[in-house]
């Protein structure tokens, strides 16, 4: 090997300097004596090259310390100091209070506006009442009482001519002409639906590591009640009062009102096969549609059904809105009617209508007025899963109260929510309803779940319930936050909804 300048320091051979490094012995430093002593035949390297390489490594480490590790640690110290400062959180607290105050002010303004309208209407009706009172008083004093006095006078002391003359006047209809009275304006207050969920959404959220801290996922659904119905059903409509629901089956003439334990409290024979039912949010009475005569009927107190109107196409579903409108799902579309059967017109003069193939479940939101429908697109679940109808796609259609399309949800895709994934390339919804915030709850056959969909975008939000047995089929949400879930095996579960 070429001669090199020795570097002093060999402890084994005093006075000898290091010249090489032994690659075979983990870069051990060697003097010339070491080479011949115990490293003969080993792979050696020049000490100068080795030292140069070590300096490069040290320089790289120094650069990492100065450019990365130290600045990051200094940043962490600064950020830790910022988090420790009360002012940062105080600003968030002030923001929360400012948002809350704005909401309160808006509510107060809305209250003041309604109160002002009531006051103005009260004054207007008081003015109308006073004018009617003056007219009636004048009519009484100047017309009716004088005529009554004349009748009494003729009856007691009038001549035959007086009697026959007055009787002739009365027969000719000139006896009394009442004044024209102005109609009072009919005023009533219809309270809106108070939604805690919507208020929380309006106020805002605290995000901790990018996750909504106000949302506490329930590891497992709390099943409050469970029962197996002795009859088939495919529709579940919760009652307005009491812990009850109406159940019906598309191929049956009977509908049932059951309690939380499945006890049948009322049974109504409709004499015709009932396609679907809906509970009116204003009256609490059940409406139904019948395929055989294309009729829309209402169940009256006592159980008798009255046909309100008939539609042109075969009805498969319906719902009654909080505005007392009837939304009917028929072969080929969805249409809006008044309760006496008049088709509601859209702005262009045509009927309020939405295109659909086979809309078999429809619900209306009492909070927003939105309407949601499930459309199978004419394909059965088995054929859809087998890929026999590749051109058809079941979907959830969400519309505003005039049936203008908001979105059409045909898939839930893959979403990660609170540590769990939900993935499905197939989407087969069966029933829908709305929760207190106006978002859409959907029973879905492929995942055997109840899913929550955003009311504005149609995006999947979270899985509310997943069955470990029968497939969830129909749902109904009671105002006290209990979710009724009916399964294909006739099992019904009443779940605490959150």
Protein backbone atom coordinates (compact mmCIF):
# COMPACT_ATOMS: atom_id res chain seq x y z
CA UNK A 1 0.00 0.00 0.00
CA UNK A 2 1.12 3.61 -0.55
CA UNK A 3 2.82 5.28 2.39
CA UNK A 4 0.67 7.56 4.52
CA UNK A 5 1.39 10.00 7.32
CA UNK A 6 0.76 8.16 10.59
CA UNK A 7 -1.72 9.58 13.09
CA UNK A 8 -0.38 9.17 16.67
CA UNK A 9 -2.36 7.17 19.17
CA UNK A 10 -2.01 3.37 18.95
CA UNK A 11 -2.43 2.02 22.48
CA UNK A 12 -1.25 -1.48 21.64
CA UNK A 13 2.02 -0.32 20.11
CA UNK A 14 3.30 2.78 21.90
CA UNK A 15 4.94 5.31 19.66
CA UNK A 16 3.17 3.98 16.56
CA UNK A 17 0.61 6.08 14.70
CA UNK A 18 -2.62 5.02 13.00
CA UNK A 19 -2.39 4.60 9.27
CA UNK A 20 -5.27 2.34 8.18
CA UNK A 21 -8.76 1.19 9.17
CA UNK A 22 -9.76 -2.46 9.06
CA UNK A 23 -13.00 -2.96 7.10
CA UNK A 24 -13.13 -6.55 8.29
CA UNK A 25 -13.13 -5.45 11.95
CA UNK A 26 -15.76 -2.69 11.97
CA UNK A 27 -13.39 0.10 10.87
CA UNK A 28 -10.88 -0.47 13.69
CA UNK A 29 -7.94 1.99 13.57
CA UNK A 30 -4.59 0.29 12.83
CA UNK A 31 -0.90 1.11 12.92
CA UNK A 32 1.65 -0.75 10.81
CA UNK A 33 2.35 -3.15 13.65
CA UNK A 34 -1.35 -3.91 14.02
CA UNK A 35 -1.54 -4.80 10.34
CA UNK A 36 1.20 -7.39 10.55
CA UNK A 37 0.32 -8.43 14.07
CA UNK A 38 -3.33 -9.46 13.88
CA UNK A 39 -4.94 -8.05 10.72
CA UNK A 40 -2.84 -9.73 8.08
CA UNK A 41 -5.06 -10.58 5.10
CA UNK A 42 -7.97 -8.30 6.23
CA UNK A 43 -9.55 -5.68 4.03
CA UNK A 44 -7.91 -2.35 4.85
CA UNK A 45 -8.76 1.22 4.00
CA UNK A 46 -6.86 4.51 4.07
CA UNK A 47 -7.32 6.38 7.31
CA UNK A 48 -7.50 9.72 5.48
CA UNK A 49 -10.40 8.55 3.29
CA UNK A 50 -12.17 7.10 6.29
CA UNK A 51 -11.83 10.32 8.30
CA UNK A 52 -13.08 12.38 5.37
CA UNK A 53 -16.18 10.20 5.17
CA UNK A 54 -16.77 10.51 8.91
CA UNK A 55 -16.55 14.31 8.65
CA UNK A 56 -19.18 14.28 5.91
CA UNK A 57 -21.54 12.26 8.15
CA UNK A 58 -20.93 14.66 11.05
CA UNK A 59 -21.60 17.64 8.78
CA UNK A 60 -24.87 16.10 7.56
CA UNK A 61 -25.94 15.49 11.15
CA UNK A 62 -24.99 19.07 12.10
CA UNK A 63 -27.01 20.38 9.15
CA UNK A 64 -30.03 18.29 10.27
CA UNK A 65 -29.72 19.63 13.81
CA UNK A 66 -29.45 23.27 12.73
CA UNK A 67 -31.96 23.21 9.88
CA UNK A 68 -34.56 20.69 11.10
CA UNK A 69 -34.40 19.39 14.65
CA UNK A 70 -33.59 22.62 16.47
CA UNK A 71 -36.06 24.82 14.50
CA UNK A 72 -38.80 22.18 15.03
CA UNK A 73 -38.09 21.95 18.75
CA UNK A 74 -38.04 25.74 19.03
CA UNK A 75 -41.36 25.80 17.17
CA UNK A 76 -42.78 23.17 19.52
CA UNK A 77 -41.65 25.27 22.49
CA UNK A 78 -43.29 28.34 20.98
CA UNK A 79 -46.49 26.45 20.16
CA UNK A 80 -46.55 24.95 23.65
CA UNK A 81 -46.24 28.45 25.02
CA UNK A 82 -49.07 29.62 22.80
CA UNK A 83 -51.31 26.76 23.95
CA UNK A 84 -50.46 27.62 27.53
CA UNK A 85 -51.52 31.21 26.96
CA UNK A 86 -55.12 31.81 28.05
CA UNK A 87 -55.64 34.42 25.35
CA UNK A 88 -55.74 31.86 22.51
CA UNK A 89 -58.61 29.93 24.06
CA UNK A 90 -60.23 33.14 25.21
CA UNK A 91 -60.51 34.16 21.56
CA UNK A 92 -62.26 30.85 20.78
CA UNK A 93 -64.59 31.36 23.74
CA UNK A 94 -65.34 34.89 22.56
CA UNK A 95 -66.03 33.52 19.07
CA UNK A 96 -68.46 30.95 20.47
CA UNK A 97 -70.26 33.59 22.51
CA UNK A 98 -70.33 35.98 19.56
CA UNK A 99 -71.87 33.29 17.34
CA UNK A 100 -74.38 32.43 20.07
CA UNK A 101 -75.30 36.09 20.54
CA UNK A 102 -75.87 36.46 16.80
CA UNK A 103 -78.19 33.45 16.89
CA UNK A 104 -80.04 34.87 19.90
CA UNK A 105 -80.34 38.27 18.21
CA UNK A 106 -81.70 36.62 15.06
CA UNK A 107 -84.21 34.67 17.15
CA UNK A 108 -85.22 37.84 19.03
CA UNK A 109 -85.64 39.67 15.71
CA UNK A 110 -87.80 36.82 14.37
CA UNK A 111 -89.89 36.90 17.55
CA UNK A 112 -90.26 40.69 17.35
CA UNK A 113 -91.35 40.45 13.72
CA UNK A 114 -94.05 37.86 14.51
CA UNK A 115 -95.22 39.84 17.55
CA UNK A 116 -95.34 43.02 15.45
CA UNK A 117 -97.37 41.21 12.78
CA UNK A 118 -99.79 39.93 15.45
CA UNK A 119 -100.15 43.45 16.90
CA UNK A 120 -100.84 44.92 13.47
CA UNK A 121 -103.37 42.18 12.69
CA UNK A 122 -105.03 42.72 16.06
CA UNK A 123 -105.37 46.45 15.37
CA UNK A 124 -106.64 45.77 11.85
CA UNK A 125 -109.26 43.28 13.06
CA UNK A 126 -110.21 45.64 15.90
CA UNK A 127 -110.83 48.38 13.31
CA UNK A 128 -112.90 45.99 11.17
CA UNK A 129 -114.87 44.88 14.24
CA UNK A 130 -115.59 48.48 15.22
CA UNK A 131 -116.84 49.35 11.72
CA UNK A 132 -119.01 46.21 11.66
CA UNK A 133 -120.36 47.10 15.12
CA UNK A 134 -121.29 50.64 13.99
CA UNK A 135 -123.00 49.29 10.85
CA UNK A 136 -124.91 46.65 12.82
CA UNK A 137 -125.94 49.19 15.48
CA UNK A 138 -127.26 51.57 12.81
CA UNK A 139 -129.04 48.70 11.07
CA UNK A 140 -130.61 47.63 14.35
CA UNK A 141 -131.63 51.15 15.42
CA UNK A 142 -132.79 52.58 12.09
CA UNK A 143 -134.18 49.50 10.34
CA UNK A 144 -134.93 46.40 12.42
CA UNK A 145 -136.41 47.97 15.58
CA UNK A 146 -138.67 50.46 13.70
CA UNK A 147 -139.93 47.56 11.59
CA UNK A 148 -140.55 45.47 14.71
CA UNK A 149 -142.44 48.39 16.28
CA UNK A 150 -144.56 48.69 13.14
CA UNK A 151 -145.31 44.94 13.21
CA UNK A 152 -146.42 45.17 16.85
CA UNK A 153 -148.54 48.24 16.13
CA UNK A 154 -150.25 46.60 13.13
CA UNK A 155 -150.89 43.42 15.09
CA UNK A 156 -152.46 45.25 18.03
CA UNK A 157 -154.31 48.17 16.47
CA UNK A 158 -153.87 48.09 12.72
CA UNK A 159 -156.75 48.00 10.26
CA UNK A 160 -157.33 45.22 7.80
CA UNK A 161 -155.69 47.33 5.12
CA UNK A 162 -152.62 47.86 7.35
CA UNK A 163 -152.31 44.10 7.97
CA UNK A 164 -152.59 43.09 4.33
CA UNK A 165 -150.24 45.86 3.20
CA UNK A 166 -147.49 44.92 5.68
CA UNK A 167 -147.85 41.21 4.94
CA UNK A 168 -147.48 41.95 1.21
CA UNK A 169 -144.30 43.93 1.87
CA UNK A 170 -142.80 41.09 3.90
CA UNK A 171 -143.64 38.52 1.19
CA UNK A 172 -142.00 40.69 -1.46
CA UNK A 173 -138.72 40.59 0.46
CA UNK A 174 -138.41 44.25 1.29
CA UNK A 175 -138.70 43.72 4.99
CA UNK A 176 -134.98 43.84 5.91
CA UNK A 177 -131.71 44.61 4.04
CA UNK A 178 -128.73 43.80 6.34
CA UNK A 179 -125.50 45.79 5.95
CA UNK A 180 -122.44 44.39 4.17
CA UNK A 181 -119.96 43.43 6.91
CA UNK A 182 -116.22 43.15 6.34
CA UNK A 183 -114.63 39.76 7.06
CA UNK A 184 -112.17 39.48 9.91
CA UNK A 185 -108.76 38.05 9.01
CA UNK A 186 -108.29 34.57 10.44
CA UNK A 187 -105.03 34.41 12.36
CA UNK A 188 -103.33 31.43 13.99
CA UNK A 189 -99.80 30.58 15.14
CA UNK A 190 -98.28 27.36 13.84
CA UNK A 191 -95.14 26.57 15.86
CA UNK A 192 -92.14 25.29 13.94
CA UNK A 193 -90.17 22.18 14.80
CA UNK A 194 -87.45 22.85 17.37
CA UNK A 195 -84.33 20.91 16.41
CA UNK A 196 -81.47 20.64 18.89
CA UNK A 197 -79.33 19.06 16.18
CA UNK A 198 -79.89 22.00 13.84
CA UNK A 199 -79.18 24.54 16.59
CA UNK A 200 -75.89 22.78 17.36
CA UNK A 201 -75.00 22.81 13.68
CA UNK A 202 -75.77 26.54 13.42
CA UNK A 203 -73.69 27.36 16.50
CA UNK A 204 -70.63 25.54 15.16
CA UNK A 205 -68.21 22.83 16.23
CA UNK A 206 -64.98 22.40 18.14
CA UNK A 207 -62.52 20.37 16.09
CA UNK A 208 -59.94 18.41 18.07
CA UNK A 209 -57.24 17.06 15.76
CA UNK A 210 -59.65 17.72 12.91
CA UNK A 211 -62.46 15.65 14.46
CA UNK A 212 -65.73 17.05 15.75
CA UNK A 213 -65.30 16.92 19.54
CA UNK A 214 -69.04 17.29 20.16
CA UNK A 215 -69.75 14.00 18.43
CA UNK A 216 -69.39 11.04 20.76
CA UNK A 217 -69.87 7.85 18.73
CA UNK A 218 -71.85 5.12 20.42
CA UNK A 219 -69.76 1.91 20.29
CA UNK A 220 -72.91 -0.14 20.06
CA UNK A 221 -76.49 0.90 19.41
CA UNK A 222 -78.68 0.93 22.47
CA UNK A 223 -81.66 -1.29 21.64
CA UNK A 224 -84.49 -0.22 23.90
CA UNK A 225 -87.08 -2.73 22.70
CA UNK A 226 -87.17 -5.67 20.32
CA UNK A 227 -90.02 -7.84 19.08
CA UNK A 228 -90.99 -10.11 16.20
CA UNK A 229 -94.22 -9.25 14.41
CA UNK A 230 -96.59 -12.15 13.63
CA UNK A 231 -97.36 -10.61 10.25
CA UNK A 232 -95.22 -9.34 7.32
CA UNK A 233 -94.66 -5.60 6.91
CA UNK A 234 -92.53 -3.33 4.73
CA UNK A 235 -93.56 0.14 5.93
CA UNK A 236 -93.20 1.66 9.42
CA UNK A 237 -94.82 4.99 10.28
CA UNK A 238 -94.42 6.29 13.83
CA UNK A 239 -97.45 7.87 15.49
CA UNK A 240 -97.48 11.51 16.53
CA UNK A 241 -98.45 10.71 20.11
CA UNK A 242 -97.54 7.75 22.26
CA UNK A 243 -94.86 5.13 21.76
CA UNK A 244 -96.55 3.45 18.80
CA UNK A 245 -96.13 2.87 15.08
CA UNK A 246 -98.27 1.82 12.12
CA UNK A 247 -97.06 -1.20 10.12
CA UNK A 248 -98.27 -2.24 6.68
CA UNK A 249 -97.38 -4.68 3.89
CA UNK A 250 -97.75 -3.99 0.18
CA UNK A 251 -99.63 -7.28 -0.43
CA UNK A 252 -101.99 -7.06 2.56
CA UNK A 253 -105.38 -5.45 3.16
CA UNK A 254 -104.67 -4.92 6.87
CA UNK A 255 -102.67 -2.25 8.70
CA UNK A 256 -101.63 -2.52 12.36
CA UNK A 257 -100.90 -0.05 15.16
CA UNK A 258 -98.40 -1.60 17.56
CA UNK A 259 -96.61 -0.50 20.73
CA UNK A 260 -92.93 -0.77 21.70
CA UNK A 261 -93.31 -4.44 22.57
CA UNK A 262 -95.17 -5.39 19.41
CA UNK A 263 -98.63 -5.55 21.00
CA UNK A 264 -101.31 -4.81 18.41
CA UNK A 265 -103.42 -1.93 19.76
CA UNK A 266 -105.47 -1.42 16.59
CA UNK A 267 -106.13 -3.42 13.45
CA UNK A 268 -107.83 -1.90 10.41
CA UNK A 269 -109.20 -3.94 7.50
CA UNK A 270 -109.00 -1.76 4.37
CA UNK A 271 -110.84 -4.20 2.00
CA UNK A 272 -108.16 -3.62 -0.67
CA UNK A 273 -104.43 -4.30 -0.82
CA UNK A 274 -102.56 -1.30 0.59
CA UNK A 275 -99.45 -0.27 -1.36
CA UNK A 276 -98.17 2.15 1.26
CA UNK A 277 -99.24 4.31 4.21
CA UNK A 278 -98.35 7.69 5.68
CA UNK A 279 -99.23 9.44 8.96
CA UNK A 280 -100.29 13.07 8.63
CA UNK A 281 -98.02 15.30 10.74
CA UNK A 282 -100.92 17.68 11.42
CA UNK A 283 -103.87 15.36 12.13
CA UNK A 284 -102.13 12.10 13.05
CA UNK A 285 -104.52 10.19 10.78
CA UNK A 286 -103.31 7.48 8.41
CA UNK A 287 -103.40 7.95 4.63
CA UNK A 288 -102.93 5.08 2.19
CA UNK A 289 -102.71 4.36 -1.51
CA UNK A 290 -104.34 1.42 -3.31
CA UNK A 291 -103.12 0.01 -6.63
CA UNK A 292 -106.35 -1.70 -7.73
CA UNK A 293 -108.35 1.51 -8.25
CA UNK A 294 -105.44 4.01 -8.09
CA UNK A 295 -107.03 5.66 -5.07
CA UNK A 296 -105.62 7.85 -2.31
CA UNK A 297 -107.55 7.30 0.93
CA UNK A 298 -107.71 8.61 4.48
CA UNK A 299 -108.55 6.53 7.57
CA UNK A 300 -111.09 8.42 9.65
CA UNK A 301 -111.74 8.15 13.37
CA UNK A 302 -113.38 4.77 13.91
CA UNK A 303 -111.36 3.03 11.19
CA UNK A 304 -113.42 3.80 8.07
CA UNK A 305 -111.43 4.71 4.97
CA UNK A 306 -112.58 7.53 2.69
CA UNK A 307 -111.31 7.90 -0.89
CA UNK A 308 -110.02 11.45 -1.27
CA UNK A 309 -109.04 11.22 -4.94
CA UNK A 310 -107.70 8.96 -7.69
CA UNK A 311 -104.52 9.35 -9.71
CA UNK A 312 -103.78 8.57 -13.35
CA UNK A 313 -100.90 6.13 -12.80
CA UNK A 314 -100.53 3.22 -10.39
CA UNK A 315 -99.55 4.61 -6.95
CA UNK A 316 -96.82 2.80 -5.03
CA UNK A 317 -96.09 5.24 -2.22
CA UNK A 318 -97.22 8.50 -0.63
CA UNK A 319 -96.55 10.92 2.19
CA UNK A 320 -98.44 13.80 3.79
CA UNK A 321 -96.39 16.96 4.34
CA UNK A 322 -96.62 19.44 7.21
CA UNK A 323 -98.32 21.81 4.72
CA UNK A 324 -101.08 19.22 4.24
CA UNK A 325 -99.98 18.34 0.73
CA UNK A 326 -99.99 14.80 -0.64
CA UNK A 327 -96.86 13.54 -2.40
CA UNK A 328 -97.64 10.45 -4.49
CA UNK A 329 -95.04 8.13 -5.98
CA UNK A 330 -96.31 6.46 -9.14
CA UNK A 331 -94.85 4.44 -11.97
CA UNK A 332 -92.70 6.93 -13.84
CA UNK A 333 -92.72 9.85 -11.42
CA UNK A 334 -93.57 11.67 -8.20
CA UNK A 335 -96.32 14.30 -8.11
CA UNK A 336 -97.73 16.80 -5.61
CA UNK A 337 -101.46 17.14 -4.84
CA UNK A 338 -103.75 18.94 -2.44
CA UNK A 339 -105.71 16.73 -0.05
CA UNK A 340 -108.76 16.95 -2.33
CA UNK A 341 -106.80 15.75 -5.37
CA UNK A 342 -105.92 18.92 -7.23
CA UNK A 343 -102.49 18.69 -8.87
CA UNK A 344 -100.26 21.47 -7.53
CA UNK A 345 -98.80 23.67 -10.26
CA UNK A 346 -95.15 24.61 -10.60
CA UNK A 347 -93.98 28.10 -11.50
CA UNK A 348 -94.25 27.41 -15.24
CA UNK A 349 -97.85 26.26 -14.85
CA UNK A 350 -97.18 22.54 -15.13
CA UNK A 351 -97.61 20.14 -12.23
CA UNK A 352 -95.01 19.86 -9.47
CA UNK A 353 -93.45 16.62 -10.61
CA UNK A 354 -90.18 14.69 -10.40
CA UNK A 355 -89.08 11.88 -12.70
CA UNK A 356 -88.64 8.45 -11.08
CA UNK A 357 -88.99 4.84 -12.21
CA UNK A 358 -90.46 3.02 -9.19
CA UNK A 359 -90.60 5.31 -6.14
CA UNK A 360 -91.80 2.91 -3.44
CA UNK A 361 -91.05 4.84 -0.20
CA UNK A 362 -91.49 8.61 0.30
CA UNK A 363 -91.06 10.82 3.37
CA UNK A 364 -91.35 14.54 4.07
CA UNK A 365 -89.26 16.58 6.53
CA UNK A 366 -91.32 18.65 8.99
CA UNK A 367 -88.32 20.94 9.55
CA UNK A 368 -87.29 21.87 6.00
CA UNK A 369 -90.21 20.66 3.89
CA UNK A 370 -87.82 18.53 1.83
CA UNK A 371 -89.09 15.27 0.33
CA UNK A 372 -87.03 12.08 0.04
CA UNK A 373 -87.91 9.03 -2.04
CA UNK A 374 -86.33 5.64 -2.70
CA UNK A 375 -86.40 4.54 -6.34
CA UNK A 376 -85.50 0.92 -7.19
CA UNK A 377 -85.29 1.78 -10.90
CA UNK A 378 -87.29 -1.39 -11.54
CA UNK A 379 -84.61 -3.86 -10.43
CA UNK A 380 -84.95 -6.41 -7.62
CA UNK A 381 -82.23 -6.81 -5.02
CA UNK A 382 -81.23 -10.30 -6.17
CA UNK A 383 -81.01 -9.27 -9.84
CA UNK A 384 -79.11 -6.11 -8.90
CA UNK A 385 -76.52 -8.02 -6.86
CA UNK A 386 -76.18 -10.62 -9.61
CA UNK A 387 -75.53 -7.88 -12.16
CA UNK A 388 -78.48 -8.90 -14.34
CA UNK A 389 -79.60 -5.29 -14.85
CA UNK A 390 -76.30 -3.40 -15.27
CA UNK A 391 -77.98 -0.32 -16.69
CA UNK A 392 -80.23 0.19 -13.67
CA UNK A 393 -79.22 1.85 -10.40
CA UNK A 394 -81.37 2.18 -7.24
CA UNK A 395 -81.11 5.61 -5.62
CA UNK A 396 -82.33 8.03 -2.98
CA UNK A 397 -83.94 11.13 -4.51
CA UNK A 398 -84.10 14.26 -2.32
CA UNK A 399 -86.22 17.23 -3.41
CA UNK A 400 -87.44 20.51 -1.96
CA UNK A 401 -91.11 20.93 -1.05
CA UNK A 402 -91.93 21.87 -4.67
CA UNK A 403 -90.27 18.61 -5.86
CA UNK A 404 -87.30 20.43 -7.37
CA UNK A 405 -84.33 18.03 -7.34
CA UNK A 406 -81.63 18.72 -4.72
CA UNK A 407 -79.55 15.59 -5.31
CA UNK A 408 -79.76 11.95 -6.29
CA UNK A 409 -77.66 9.59 -4.14
CA UNK A 410 -76.65 6.44 -6.05
CA UNK A 411 -73.63 5.32 -4.00
CA UNK A 412 -71.99 5.82 -0.64
CA UNK A 413 -68.47 5.00 -1.85
CA UNK A 414 -65.77 4.66 0.79
CA UNK A 415 -65.79 6.92 3.82
CA UNK A 416 -63.72 6.90 7.00
CA UNK A 417 -65.63 8.08 10.04
CA UNK A 418 -64.38 8.06 13.60
CA UNK A 419 -61.94 5.24 13.11
CA UNK A 420 -64.09 2.92 11.03
CA UNK A 421 -64.40 2.41 7.28
CA UNK A 422 -67.53 1.74 5.32
CA UNK A 423 -67.05 0.55 1.77
CA UNK A 424 -69.46 -0.72 -0.81
CA UNK A 425 -69.46 -0.74 -4.58
CA UNK A 426 -73.17 -1.60 -4.48
CA UNK A 427 -75.95 0.57 -3.09
CA UNK A 428 -79.51 -0.69 -2.64
CA UNK A 429 -81.61 1.60 -0.41
CA UNK A 430 -85.07 0.54 0.71
CA UNK A 431 -86.61 3.15 3.03
CA UNK A 432 -85.93 6.73 4.14
CA UNK A 433 -86.89 9.23 6.82
CA UNK A 434 -85.54 12.54 8.16
CA UNK A 435 -83.93 13.23 11.52
CA UNK A 436 -84.32 16.36 13.66
CA UNK A 437 -81.63 18.25 11.73
CA UNK A 438 -83.20 17.46 8.35
CA UNK A 439 -80.56 14.91 7.34
CA UNK A 440 -81.66 11.70 5.62
CA UNK A 441 -81.72 8.27 7.26
CA UNK A 442 -81.61 5.36 4.80
CA UNK A 443 -81.95 1.59 5.25
CA UNK A 444 -79.42 -0.06 2.94
CA UNK A 445 -79.56 -3.75 1.95
CA UNK A 446 -75.95 -4.36 0.87
CA UNK A 447 -74.31 -3.20 4.10
CA UNK A 448 -77.34 -4.25 6.21
CA UNK A 449 -77.18 -0.82 7.81
CA UNK A 450 -79.00 2.40 8.52
CA UNK A 451 -76.95 5.25 7.02
CA UNK A 452 -77.08 9.00 7.60
CA UNK A 453 -76.79 11.21 4.49
CA UNK A 454 -76.21 14.97 4.47
CA UNK A 455 -79.40 16.80 3.51
CA UNK A 456 -77.61 19.35 1.29
CA UNK A 457 -74.99 17.32 -0.57
CA UNK A 458 -76.10 13.70 -0.40
CA UNK A 459 -72.71 12.70 1.04
CA UNK A 460 -72.48 9.81 3.47
CA UNK A 461 -72.03 11.08 7.05
CA UNK A 462 -72.00 8.01 9.28
CA UNK A 463 -73.48 4.60 9.97
CA UNK A 464 -76.22 4.79 12.58
CA UNK A 465 -76.91 1.08 12.93
CA UNK A 466 -75.64 -2.18 11.48
CA UNK A 467 -77.63 -5.37 11.87
CA UNK A 468 -76.02 -8.59 13.07
CA UNK A 469 -79.02 -10.59 11.90
CA UNK A 470 -81.88 -9.68 9.58
CA UNK A 471 -81.50 -6.99 6.94
CA UNK A 472 -82.91 -3.57 7.95
CA UNK A 473 -85.88 -2.78 5.76
CA UNK A 474 -88.14 0.04 6.98
CA UNK A 475 -87.58 2.87 9.45
CA UNK A 476 -89.46 5.55 11.33
CA UNK A 477 -88.05 8.17 13.71
CA UNK A 478 -90.22 9.18 16.66
CA UNK A 479 -90.01 12.75 17.95
CA UNK A 480 -88.45 11.52 21.21
CA UNK A 481 -85.40 10.26 19.29
CA UNK A 482 -86.31 6.61 19.16
CA UNK A 483 -85.63 4.98 15.81
CA UNK A 484 -87.89 2.10 14.77
CA UNK A 485 -86.09 -0.33 12.45
CA UNK A 486 -88.04 -3.14 10.81
CA UNK A 487 -86.10 -6.11 9.38
CA UNK A 488 -86.83 -8.54 6.57
CA UNK A 489 -87.17 -11.37 9.11
CA UNK A 490 -90.08 -9.44 10.76
CA UNK A 491 -87.91 -8.45 13.72
CA UNK A 492 -88.38 -4.87 14.86
CA UNK A 493 -85.89 -2.95 17.00
CA UNK A 494 -86.51 0.36 18.73
CA UNK A 495 -83.11 2.05 18.98
CA UNK A 496 -81.97 5.09 20.90
CA UNK A 497 -81.09 7.59 18.16
CA UNK A 498 -78.26 10.07 18.55
